[in-house]
Amino acid sequence: MKTRDPEYDADEEYEYECLNCGEVVSAASYPGGCENCGSSMRNRGMPCE
């Protein structure tokens, strides 16, 4: 089975979702912790596997 890396554009904004409270933000780079609860964020465009 072949795998492929997702395409990446440094200028494009991506949606990030808080793993704890579900807050969603758009940003061009990883926003760090959630502004609401301080929990980790994940890029919604990447699978959770």
Protein backbone atom coordinates (compact mmCIF):
# COMPACT_ATOMS: atom_id res chain seq x y z
CA MET A 1 0.00 0.00 0.00
CA LYS A 2 1.36 3.40 -0.96
CA THR A 3 1.09 6.35 1.35
CA ARG A 4 1.47 9.96 0.35
CA ASP A 5 2.25 13.08 2.29
CA PRO A 6 -0.45 15.75 2.40
CA GLU A 7 0.28 18.86 0.36
CA TYR A 8 1.44 21.84 2.39
CA ASP A 9 1.25 25.54 1.51
CA ALA A 10 2.92 27.78 4.12
CA ASP A 11 0.70 30.76 3.21
CA GLU A 12 -2.57 28.87 3.40
CA GLU A 13 -4.66 29.02 6.57
CA TYR A 14 -5.83 25.78 8.15
CA GLU A 15 -8.51 25.04 10.72
CA TYR A 16 -7.34 23.88 14.13
CA GLU A 17 -9.67 22.31 16.70
CA CYS A 18 -9.25 22.08 20.47
CA LEU A 19 -9.12 18.47 21.65
CA ASN A 20 -10.89 19.41 24.90
CA CYS A 21 -13.58 22.07 24.31
CA GLY A 22 -13.98 21.92 20.51
CA GLU A 23 -13.02 25.56 19.81
CA VAL A 24 -12.11 26.02 16.12
CA VAL A 25 -9.65 28.66 14.84
CA SER A 26 -8.09 29.41 11.44
CA ALA A 27 -4.35 30.04 11.33
CA ALA A 28 -1.40 29.81 8.94
CA SER A 29 0.72 28.03 11.58
CA TYR A 30 0.10 25.92 14.67
CA PRO A 31 -1.66 28.19 17.20
CA GLY A 32 -0.34 26.37 20.29
CA GLY A 33 -2.78 25.92 23.17
CA CYS A 34 -6.48 26.75 23.06
CA GLU A 35 -7.27 30.33 24.10
CA ASN A 36 -10.40 29.14 25.96
CA CYS A 37 -9.09 26.21 28.00
CA GLY A 38 -5.34 25.88 27.29
CA SER A 39 -5.65 22.35 25.88
CA SER A 40 -3.86 21.07 22.76
CA MET A 41 -5.09 21.94 19.27
CA ARG A 42 -5.07 19.66 16.20
CA ASN A 43 -5.16 20.41 12.49
CA ARG A 44 -8.64 19.37 11.35
CA GLY A 45 -7.30 18.50 7.88
CA MET A 46 -5.11 15.68 9.20
CA PRO A 47 -6.52 12.27 10.18
CA CYS A 48 -6.52 11.38 13.90
CA GLU A 49 -5.02 7.93 13.29
